[in-house]
Amino acid sequence: PAYDIVLFLGLYQHLPKTSRKNTLLAALSLANVWFAIRTPQSIWQSDKLEEFIEQQGFHLAEHSKADLDRQGGLYIYQRTNPKQA
């Protein structure tokens, strides 16, 4: 299955560290066009999530820096080559 948009908001940091990237990868694979993620900035940087998401075929379309310290920024990615239905 694939969805036009997948929201992954405030989840990543609550997952066990050993399964975070695999869970994120599974969520990214479900996103046909759009993927939105929010996680604290410290985790975003330490886990190099921007690089990881871009390696999966997405590019950053929008970024809101509101509440970076506590909740983290909101990052909206678009799949570079959407899957064909």
N, C-alpha and C. Protein backbone atom coordinates (compact mmCIF):
# COMPACT_ATOMS: atom_id res chain seq x y z
N PRO A 1 0.82 -1.20 0.00
CA PRO A 1 0.00 0.00 0.00
C PRO A 1 0.86 1.26 0.00
N ALA A 2 0.31 2.32 -0.51
CA ALA A 2 0.99 3.62 -0.51
C ALA A 2 -0.05 4.69 -0.24
N TYR A 3 0.38 5.76 0.36
CA TYR A 3 -0.49 6.88 0.71
C TYR A 3 0.09 8.16 0.11
N ASP A 4 -0.77 9.10 -0.25
CA ASP A 4 -0.30 10.36 -0.80
C ASP A 4 0.55 11.11 0.22
N ILE A 5 0.17 11.02 1.48
CA ILE A 5 0.92 11.68 2.55
C ILE A 5 1.00 10.77 3.77
N VAL A 6 2.16 10.76 4.38
CA VAL A 6 2.36 10.03 5.64
C VAL A 6 2.84 11.04 6.67
N LEU A 7 2.16 11.08 7.82
CA LEU A 7 2.51 11.96 8.92
C LEU A 7 3.23 11.16 9.99
N PHE A 8 4.42 11.61 10.36
CA PHE A 8 5.26 10.92 11.35
C PHE A 8 5.63 11.98 12.38
N LEU A 9 4.64 12.42 13.10
CA LEU A 9 4.77 13.60 13.96
C LEU A 9 4.93 13.20 15.42
N GLY A 10 6.08 13.52 16.00
CA GLY A 10 6.31 13.26 17.41
C GLY A 10 6.43 11.80 17.77
N LEU A 11 6.79 10.96 16.84
CA LEU A 11 6.90 9.52 17.09
C LEU A 11 8.34 9.04 17.24
N TYR A 12 9.19 9.52 16.37
CA TYR A 12 10.55 8.99 16.24
C TYR A 12 11.29 8.91 17.58
N GLN A 13 11.24 9.98 18.35
CA GLN A 13 12.00 10.03 19.61
C GLN A 13 11.47 9.08 20.67
N HIS A 14 10.26 8.57 20.51
CA HIS A 14 9.67 7.65 21.49
C HIS A 14 9.94 6.18 21.15
N LEU A 15 10.50 5.94 19.98
CA LEU A 15 10.81 4.57 19.58
C LEU A 15 12.13 4.11 20.20
N PRO A 16 12.30 2.80 20.40
CA PRO A 16 13.60 2.31 20.89
C PRO A 16 14.69 2.68 19.88
N LYS A 17 15.82 3.11 20.38
CA LYS A 17 16.91 3.55 19.50
C LYS A 17 17.30 2.49 18.48
N THR A 18 17.19 1.23 18.85
CA THR A 18 17.60 0.15 17.96
C THR A 18 16.66 -0.04 16.77
N SER A 19 15.44 0.48 16.86
CA SER A 19 14.49 0.27 15.75
C SER A 19 14.03 1.56 15.10
N ARG A 20 14.56 2.70 15.52
CA ARG A 20 14.11 3.99 14.99
C ARG A 20 14.25 4.08 13.47
N LYS A 21 15.44 3.81 12.98
CA LYS A 21 15.68 4.00 11.54
C LYS A 21 14.86 3.01 10.71
N ASN A 22 14.72 1.78 11.16
CA ASN A 22 13.92 0.80 10.41
C ASN A 22 12.45 1.20 10.39
N THR A 23 11.96 1.73 11.49
CA THR A 23 10.56 2.17 11.53
C THR A 23 10.37 3.37 10.62
N LEU A 24 11.31 4.30 10.65
CA LEU A 24 11.24 5.46 9.77
C LEU A 24 11.30 5.02 8.31
N LEU A 25 12.16 4.09 8.00
CA LEU A 25 12.28 3.57 6.64
C LEU A 25 10.95 2.96 6.17
N ALA A 26 10.30 2.22 7.04
CA ALA A 26 9.00 1.62 6.69
C ALA A 26 7.95 2.71 6.43
N ALA A 27 7.95 3.75 7.26
CA ALA A 27 7.00 4.85 7.06
C ALA A 27 7.29 5.58 5.75
N LEU A 28 8.56 5.81 5.45
CA LEU A 28 8.92 6.47 4.20
C LEU A 28 8.49 5.66 2.99
N SER A 29 8.57 4.35 3.10
CA SER A 29 8.20 3.50 1.96
C SER A 29 6.70 3.56 1.67
N LEU A 30 5.92 3.97 2.66
CA LEU A 30 4.46 4.10 2.47
C LEU A 30 4.05 5.44 1.86
N ALA A 31 4.96 6.39 1.84
CA ALA A 31 4.64 7.74 1.35
C ALA A 31 4.86 7.81 -0.15
N ASN A 32 3.79 7.98 -0.89
CA ASN A 32 3.88 8.07 -2.34
C ASN A 32 4.37 9.45 -2.79
N VAL A 33 3.90 10.51 -2.12
CA VAL A 33 4.27 11.86 -2.55
C VAL A 33 4.85 12.67 -1.39
N TRP A 34 4.13 12.77 -0.28
CA TRP A 34 4.51 13.66 0.82
C TRP A 34 4.83 12.88 2.09
N PHE A 35 5.81 13.39 2.85
CA PHE A 35 6.16 12.81 4.14
C PHE A 35 6.44 13.96 5.10
N ALA A 36 5.76 13.96 6.24
CA ALA A 36 5.95 15.01 7.24
C ALA A 36 6.47 14.37 8.52
N ILE A 37 7.49 15.02 9.10
CA ILE A 37 8.10 14.50 10.33
C ILE A 37 8.38 15.66 11.28
N ARG A 38 8.20 15.39 12.56
CA ARG A 38 8.57 16.33 13.62
C ARG A 38 9.25 15.54 14.72
N THR A 39 10.42 16.00 15.11
CA THR A 39 11.16 15.37 16.19
C THR A 39 12.10 16.42 16.79
N PRO A 40 12.49 16.28 18.05
CA PRO A 40 13.36 17.29 18.65
C PRO A 40 14.64 17.51 17.84
N GLN A 41 15.08 18.74 17.81
CA GLN A 41 16.24 19.13 17.02
C GLN A 41 17.50 18.33 17.38
N SER A 42 17.69 18.05 18.65
CA SER A 42 18.89 17.31 19.06
C SER A 42 18.92 15.91 18.43
N ILE A 43 17.79 15.26 18.37
CA ILE A 43 17.71 13.92 17.76
C ILE A 43 17.80 14.04 16.25
N TRP A 44 17.16 15.05 15.69
CA TRP A 44 17.21 15.30 14.25
C TRP A 44 18.67 15.37 13.78
N GLN A 45 19.46 16.12 14.54
CA GLN A 45 20.87 16.30 14.17
C GLN A 45 21.72 15.07 14.48
N SER A 46 21.57 14.50 15.66
CA SER A 46 22.43 13.37 16.03
C SER A 46 22.18 12.13 15.16
N ASP A 47 20.94 11.93 14.74
CA ASP A 47 20.62 10.78 13.89
C ASP A 47 20.72 11.09 12.40
N LYS A 48 21.09 12.32 12.08
CA LYS A 48 21.28 12.75 10.68
C LYS A 48 20.07 12.41 9.82
N LEU A 49 18.90 12.82 10.32
CA LEU A 49 17.66 12.44 9.65
C LEU A 49 17.47 13.11 8.30
N GLU A 50 17.93 14.34 8.16
CA GLU A 50 17.79 14.98 6.85
C GLU A 50 18.49 14.17 5.76
N GLU A 51 19.71 13.79 6.03
CA GLU A 51 20.49 12.98 5.09
C GLU A 51 19.81 11.63 4.83
N PHE A 52 19.35 10.99 5.88
CA PHE A 52 18.71 9.68 5.77
C PHE A 52 17.45 9.74 4.89
N ILE A 53 16.61 10.75 5.14
CA ILE A 53 15.36 10.89 4.38
C ILE A 53 15.65 11.20 2.91
N GLU A 54 16.62 12.06 2.66
CA GLU A 54 16.97 12.39 1.29
C GLU A 54 17.53 11.17 0.54
N GLN A 55 18.23 10.30 1.25
CA GLN A 55 18.75 9.08 0.63
C GLN A 55 17.63 8.14 0.20
N GLN A 56 16.44 8.32 0.76
CA GLN A 56 15.30 7.47 0.41
C GLN A 56 14.49 8.05 -0.74
N GLY A 57 14.99 9.12 -1.36
CA GLY A 57 14.33 9.66 -2.56
C GLY A 57 13.40 10.83 -2.30
N PHE A 58 13.62 11.56 -1.23
CA PHE A 58 12.79 12.73 -0.90
C PHE A 58 13.64 13.99 -0.89
N HIS A 59 12.98 15.13 -1.13
CA HIS A 59 13.66 16.41 -0.96
C HIS A 59 12.80 17.30 -0.07
N LEU A 60 13.46 18.16 0.67
CA LEU A 60 12.77 19.04 1.60
C LEU A 60 11.94 20.07 0.84
N ALA A 61 10.65 20.12 1.13
CA ALA A 61 9.75 21.06 0.47
C ALA A 61 9.41 22.23 1.37
N GLU A 62 9.35 21.99 2.69
CA GLU A 62 8.94 23.04 3.65
C GLU A 62 9.51 22.70 5.01
N HIS A 63 9.89 23.74 5.75
CA HIS A 63 10.41 23.54 7.10
C HIS A 63 9.93 24.67 7.98
N SER A 64 9.26 24.32 9.07
CA SER A 64 8.82 25.29 10.06
C SER A 64 9.73 25.17 11.27
N LYS A 65 10.33 26.29 11.67
CA LYS A 65 11.26 26.27 12.79
C LYS A 65 10.59 26.57 14.12
N ALA A 66 9.28 26.60 14.15
CA ALA A 66 8.56 26.89 15.39
C ALA A 66 8.87 25.82 16.43
N ASP A 67 9.19 26.24 17.63
CA ASP A 67 9.42 25.34 18.76
C ASP A 67 10.51 24.30 18.51
N LEU A 68 11.62 24.74 17.96
CA LEU A 68 12.73 23.81 17.67
C LEU A 68 13.26 23.13 18.92
N ASP A 69 13.32 23.86 20.02
CA ASP A 69 13.93 23.31 21.23
C ASP A 69 13.14 22.18 21.86
N ARG A 70 11.84 22.31 21.92
CA ARG A 70 11.05 21.31 22.62
C ARG A 70 10.51 20.24 21.68
N GLN A 71 9.67 20.63 20.74
CA GLN A 71 9.06 19.65 19.85
C GLN A 71 9.87 19.40 18.60
N GLY A 72 10.69 20.34 18.24
CA GLY A 72 11.45 20.23 17.01
C GLY A 72 10.75 20.89 15.86
N GLY A 73 11.46 21.04 14.79
CA GLY A 73 10.87 21.64 13.60
C GLY A 73 9.96 20.66 12.89
N LEU A 74 9.10 21.21 12.07
CA LEU A 74 8.24 20.39 11.22
C LEU A 74 8.87 20.37 9.83
N TYR A 75 9.18 19.21 9.35
CA TYR A 75 9.83 19.05 8.05
C TYR A 75 8.86 18.33 7.12
N ILE A 76 8.61 18.93 5.97
CA ILE A 76 7.73 18.32 4.98
C ILE A 76 8.55 18.01 3.74
N TYR A 77 8.57 16.75 3.39
CA TYR A 77 9.35 16.27 2.25
C TYR A 77 8.42 15.82 1.13
N GLN A 78 8.94 15.95 -0.08
CA GLN A 78 8.23 15.47 -1.26
C GLN A 78 9.10 14.42 -1.93
N ARG A 79 8.47 13.34 -2.34
CA ARG A 79 9.21 12.29 -3.05
C ARG A 79 9.66 12.85 -4.40
N THR A 80 10.92 12.66 -4.71
CA THR A 80 11.48 13.20 -5.95
C THR A 80 10.82 12.58 -7.17
N ASN A 81 10.62 11.28 -7.15
CA ASN A 81 9.94 10.57 -8.24
C ASN A 81 8.80 9.76 -7.66
N PRO A 82 7.59 10.34 -7.59
CA PRO A 82 6.45 9.60 -6.99
C PRO A 82 6.23 8.27 -7.68
N LYS A 83 5.78 7.32 -6.89
CA LYS A 83 5.46 5.99 -7.41
C LYS A 83 4.26 6.11 -8.34
N GLN A 84 4.26 5.32 -9.38
CA GLN A 84 3.15 5.30 -10.32
C GLN A 84 2.08 4.34 -9.83
N ALA A 85 0.83 4.76 -9.92
CA ALA A 85 -0.29 3.93 -9.44
C ALA A 85 -0.56 2.78 -10.39
